[in-house]
Amino acid sequence: MKPLIITLLSIIALSGCSATWSGFKEDTSNAADWTKGKVNQGADFVKEKTE
């Protein structure tokens, strides 16, 4: 009985970890895209002001 409980708890823990990891990767990707957009906007603004 004990191995069954340990196995079930392990499966639950691992599935939660994989969902968290997927969310982390998605959030990181979104943050990188947002940052890239802001840097490009800043560069365009500086270019307009210096021309």
PDB file of N, CA and C in Angstrom:
ATOM      1  N   MET A   1       0.830  -1.197   0.000  1.00  0.00           N
ATOM      2  CA  MET A   1       0.000   0.000   0.000  1.00  0.00           C
ATOM      3  C   MET A   1       0.869   1.254   0.000  1.00  0.00           C
ATOM      4  N   LYS A   2       1.963   1.202   0.764  1.00  0.00           N
ATOM      5  CA  LYS A   2       2.843   2.364   0.850  1.00  0.00           C
ATOM      6  C   LYS A   2       3.457   2.741  -0.509  1.00  0.00           C
ATOM      7  N   PRO A   3       3.939   1.766  -1.291  1.00  0.00           N
ATOM      8  CA  PRO A   3       4.506   2.128  -2.604  1.00  0.00           C
ATOM      9  C   PRO A   3       3.465   2.768  -3.537  1.00  0.00           C
ATOM     10  N   LEU A   4       2.216   2.338  -3.428  1.00  0.00           N
ATOM     11  CA  LEU A   4       1.159   2.915  -4.262  1.00  0.00           C
ATOM     12  C   LEU A   4       0.944   4.386  -3.912  1.00  0.00           C
ATOM     13  N   ILE A   5       0.914   4.698  -2.658  1.00  0.00           N
ATOM     14  CA  ILE A   5       0.724   6.082  -2.212  1.00  0.00           C
ATOM     15  C   ILE A   5       1.914   6.944  -2.653  1.00  0.00           C
ATOM     16  N   ILE A   6       3.105   6.429  -2.489  1.00  0.00           N
ATOM     17  CA  ILE A   6       4.300   7.180  -2.894  1.00  0.00           C
ATOM     18  C   ILE A   6       4.291   7.414  -4.405  1.00  0.00           C
ATOM     19  N   THR A   7       3.905   6.419  -5.161  1.00  0.00           N
ATOM     20  CA  THR A   7       3.838   6.548  -6.610  1.00  0.00           C
ATOM     21  C   THR A   7       2.811   7.602  -7.017  1.00  0.00           C
ATOM     22  N   LEU A   8       1.645   7.564  -6.417  1.00  0.00           N
ATOM     23  CA  LEU A   8       0.604   8.546  -6.755  1.00  0.00           C
ATOM     24  C   LEU A   8       1.040   9.963  -6.395  1.00  0.00           C
ATOM     25  N   LEU A   9       1.646  10.134  -5.236  1.00  0.00           N
ATOM     26  CA  LEU A   9       2.126  11.461  -4.846  1.00  0.00           C
ATOM     27  C   LEU A   9       3.230  11.944  -5.782  1.00  0.00           C
ATOM     28  N   SER A  10       4.076  11.041  -6.214  1.00  0.00           N
ATOM     29  CA  SER A  10       5.145  11.408  -7.153  1.00  0.00           C
ATOM     30  C   SER A  10       4.573  11.857  -8.490  1.00  0.00           C
ATOM     31  N   ILE A  11       3.581  11.148  -8.968  1.00  0.00           N
ATOM     32  CA  ILE A  11       2.945  11.514 -10.241  1.00  0.00           C
ATOM     33  C   ILE A  11       2.296  12.889 -10.144  1.00  0.00           C
ATOM     34  N   ILE A  12       1.613  13.147  -9.059  1.00  0.00           N
ATOM     35  CA  ILE A  12       0.970  14.455  -8.864  1.00  0.00           C
ATOM     36  C   ILE A  12       2.019  15.559  -8.799  1.00  0.00           C
ATOM     37  N   ALA A  13       3.088  15.330  -8.069  1.00  0.00           N
ATOM     38  CA  ALA A  13       4.145  16.345  -7.929  1.00  0.00           C
ATOM     39  C   ALA A  13       4.812  16.615  -9.267  1.00  0.00           C
ATOM     40  N   LEU A  14       5.112  15.582 -10.026  1.00  0.00           N
ATOM     41  CA  LEU A  14       5.779  15.770 -11.314  1.00  0.00           C
ATOM     42  C   LEU A  14       4.877  16.470 -12.324  1.00  0.00           C
ATOM     43  N   SER A  15       3.600  16.172 -12.321  1.00  0.00           N
ATOM     44  CA  SER A  15       2.704  16.846 -13.264  1.00  0.00           C
ATOM     45  C   SER A  15       2.566  18.322 -12.910  1.00  0.00           C
ATOM     46  N   GLY A  16       2.564  18.644 -11.644  1.00  0.00           N
ATOM     47  CA  GLY A  16       2.521  20.044 -11.227  1.00  0.00           C
ATOM     48  C   GLY A  16       3.783  20.778 -11.613  1.00  0.00           C
ATOM     49  N   CYS A  17       4.911  20.119 -11.491  1.00  0.00           N
ATOM     50  CA  CYS A  17       6.191  20.735 -11.847  1.00  0.00           C
ATOM     51  C   CYS A  17       6.277  21.010 -13.339  1.00  0.00           C
ATOM     52  N   SER A  18       5.777  20.095 -14.158  1.00  0.00           N
ATOM     53  CA  SER A  18       5.853  20.301 -15.608  1.00  0.00           C
ATOM     54  C   SER A  18       4.954  21.453 -16.029  1.00  0.00           C
ATOM     55  N   ALA A  19       3.795  21.601 -15.396  1.00  0.00           N
ATOM     56  CA  ALA A  19       2.915  22.717 -15.721  1.00  0.00           C
ATOM     57  C   ALA A  19       3.558  24.032 -15.304  1.00  0.00           C
ATOM     58  N   THR A  20       4.217  24.033 -14.163  1.00  0.00           N
ATOM     59  CA  THR A  20       4.896  25.234 -13.700  1.00  0.00           C
ATOM     60  C   THR A  20       6.026  25.592 -14.652  1.00  0.00           C
ATOM     61  N   TRP A  21       6.778  24.605 -15.103  1.00  0.00           N
ATOM     62  CA  TRP A  21       7.892  24.861 -16.008  1.00  0.00           C
ATOM     63  C   TRP A  21       7.392  25.425 -17.334  1.00  0.00           C
ATOM     64  N   SER A  22       6.294  24.902 -17.853  1.00  0.00           N
ATOM     65  CA  SER A  22       5.733  25.423 -19.103  1.00  0.00           C
ATOM     66  C   SER A  22       5.292  26.869 -18.935  1.00  0.00           C
ATOM     67  N   GLY A  23       4.664  27.167 -17.826  1.00  0.00           N
ATOM     68  CA  GLY A  23       4.255  28.542 -17.552  1.00  0.00           C
ATOM     69  C   GLY A  23       5.442  29.471 -17.419  1.00  0.00           C
ATOM     70  N   PHE A  24       6.503  28.996 -16.783  1.00  0.00           N
ATOM     71  CA  PHE A  24       7.722  29.797 -16.624  1.00  0.00           C
ATOM     72  C   PHE A  24       8.330  30.109 -17.984  1.00  0.00           C
ATOM     73  N   LYS A  25       8.408  29.116 -18.854  1.00  0.00           N
ATOM     74  CA  LYS A  25       8.981  29.334 -20.182  1.00  0.00           C
ATOM     75  C   LYS A  25       8.127  30.316 -20.982  1.00  0.00           C
ATOM     76  N   GLU A  26       6.812  30.196 -20.882  1.00  0.00           N
ATOM     77  CA  GLU A  26       5.921  31.104 -21.610  1.00  0.00           C
ATOM     78  C   GLU A  26       6.060  32.536 -21.092  1.00  0.00           C
ATOM     79  N   ASP A  27       6.093  32.703 -19.788  1.00  0.00           N
ATOM     80  CA  ASP A  27       6.243  34.035 -19.198  1.00  0.00           C
ATOM     81  C   ASP A  27       7.577  34.661 -19.575  1.00  0.00           C
ATOM     82  N   THR A  28       8.635  33.859 -19.575  1.00  0.00           N
ATOM     83  CA  THR A  28       9.956  34.364 -19.945  1.00  0.00           C
ATOM     84  C   THR A  28       9.976  34.807 -21.397  1.00  0.00           C
ATOM     85  N   SER A  29       9.352  34.024 -22.257  1.00  0.00           N
ATOM     86  CA  SER A  29       9.290  34.376 -23.677  1.00  0.00           C
ATOM     87  C   SER A  29       8.510  35.671 -23.878  1.00  0.00           C
ATOM     88  N   ASN A  30       7.384  35.804 -23.181  1.00  0.00           N
ATOM     89  CA  ASN A  30       6.585  37.029 -23.288  1.00  0.00           C
ATOM     90  C   ASN A  30       7.363  38.238 -22.788  1.00  0.00           C
ATOM     91  N   ALA A  31       8.100  38.078 -21.705  1.00  0.00           N
ATOM     92  CA  ALA A  31       8.890  39.184 -21.161  1.00  0.00           C
ATOM     93  C   ALA A  31       9.998  39.581 -22.124  1.00  0.00           C
ATOM     94  N   ALA A  32      10.627  38.616 -22.766  1.00  0.00           N
ATOM     95  CA  ALA A  32      11.690  38.922 -23.725  1.00  0.00           C
ATOM     96  C   ALA A  32      11.125  39.675 -24.924  1.00  0.00           C
ATOM     97  N   ASP A  33       9.973  39.242 -25.420  1.00  0.00           N
ATOM     98  CA  ASP A  33       9.342  39.937 -26.545  1.00  0.00           C
ATOM     99  C   ASP A  33       8.945  41.358 -26.170  1.00  0.00           C
ATOM    100  N   TRP A  34       8.403  41.545 -24.979  1.00  0.00           N
ATOM    101  CA  TRP A  34       8.003  42.872 -24.522  1.00  0.00           C
ATOM    102  C   TRP A  34       9.218  43.786 -24.404  1.00  0.00           C
ATOM    103  N   THR A  35      10.294  43.259 -23.839  1.00  0.00           N
ATOM    104  CA  THR A  35      11.515  44.046 -23.680  1.00  0.00           C
ATOM    105  C   THR A  35      12.094  44.433 -25.038  1.00  0.00           C
ATOM    106  N   LYS A  36      12.111  43.484 -25.960  1.00  0.00           N
ATOM    107  CA  LYS A  36      12.627  43.759 -27.295  1.00  0.00           C
ATOM    108  C   LYS A  36      11.809  44.867 -27.964  1.00  0.00           C
ATOM    109  N   GLY A  37      10.503  44.828 -27.815  1.00  0.00           N
ATOM    110  CA  GLY A  37       9.639  45.857 -28.384  1.00  0.00           C
ATOM    111  C   GLY A  37       9.920  47.231 -27.787  1.00  0.00           C
ATOM    112  N   LYS A  38      10.098  47.287 -26.469  1.00  0.00           N
ATOM    113  CA  LYS A  38      10.377  48.574 -25.809  1.00  0.00           C
ATOM    114  C   LYS A  38      11.727  49.127 -26.234  1.00  0.00           C
ATOM    115  N   VAL A  39      12.728  48.273 -26.378  1.00  0.00           N
ATOM    116  CA  VAL A  39      14.047  48.727 -26.818  1.00  0.00           C
ATOM    117  C   VAL A  39      13.950  49.284 -28.239  1.00  0.00           C
ATOM    118  N   ASN A  40      13.219  48.599 -29.106  1.00  0.00           N
ATOM    119  CA  ASN A  40      13.058  49.079 -30.480  1.00  0.00           C
ATOM    120  C   ASN A  40      12.299  50.405 -30.522  1.00  0.00           C
ATOM    121  N   GLN A  41      11.283  50.551 -29.675  1.00  0.00           N
ATOM    122  CA  GLN A  41      10.551  51.823 -29.615  1.00  0.00           C
ATOM    123  C   GLN A  41      11.481  52.941 -29.160  1.00  0.00           C
ATOM    124  N   GLY A  42      12.293  52.673 -28.181  1.00  0.00           N
ATOM    125  CA  GLY A  42      13.248  53.680 -27.698  1.00  0.00           C
ATOM    126  C   GLY A  42      14.250  54.056 -28.763  1.00  0.00           C
ATOM    127  N   ALA A  43      14.735  53.071 -29.496  1.00  0.00           N
ATOM    128  CA  ALA A  43      15.700  53.342 -30.566  1.00  0.00           C
ATOM    129  C   ALA A  43      15.057  54.171 -31.665  1.00  0.00           C
ATOM    130  N   ASP A  44      13.811  53.866 -32.011  1.00  0.00           N
ATOM    131  CA  ASP A  44      13.103  54.654 -33.027  1.00  0.00           C
ATOM    132  C   ASP A  44      12.900  56.091 -32.559  1.00  0.00           C
ATOM    133  N   PHE A  45      12.567  56.271 -31.298  1.00  0.00           N
ATOM    134  CA  PHE A  45      12.368  57.607 -30.745  1.00  0.00           C
ATOM    135  C   PHE A  45      13.659  58.425 -30.816  1.00  0.00           C
ATOM    136  N   VAL A  46      14.755  57.810 -30.428  1.00  0.00           N
ATOM    137  CA  VAL A  46      16.048  58.508 -30.469  1.00  0.00           C
ATOM    138  C   VAL A  46      16.419  58.840 -31.907  1.00  0.00           C
ATOM    139  N   LYS A  47      16.164  57.912 -32.825  1.00  0.00           N
ATOM    140  CA  LYS A  47      16.474  58.140 -34.234  1.00  0.00           C
ATOM    141  C   LYS A  47      15.677  59.324 -34.775  1.00  0.00           C
ATOM    142  N   GLU A  48      14.391  59.408 -34.425  1.00  0.00           N
ATOM    143  CA  GLU A  48      13.553  60.534 -34.875  1.00  0.00           C
ATOM    144  C   GLU A  48      14.076  61.852 -34.344  1.00  0.00           C
ATOM    145  N   LYS A  49      14.496  61.878 -33.096  1.00  0.00           N
ATOM    146  CA  LYS A  49      14.946  63.120 -32.468  1.00  0.00           C
ATOM    147  C   LYS A  49      16.315  63.563 -32.975  1.00  0.00           C
ATOM    148  N   THR A  50      17.124  62.621 -33.464  1.00  0.00           N
ATOM    149  CA  THR A  50      18.469  62.997 -33.897  1.00  0.00           C
ATOM    150  C   THR A  50      18.541  63.275 -35.408  1.00  0.00           C
ATOM    151  N   GLU A  51      17.478  62.980 -36.135  1.00  0.00           N
ATOM    152  CA  GLU A  51      17.499  63.257 -37.586  1.00  0.00           C
ATOM    153  C   GLU A  51      17.126  64.672 -37.877  1.00  0.00           C
TER     154      GLU A  51
END
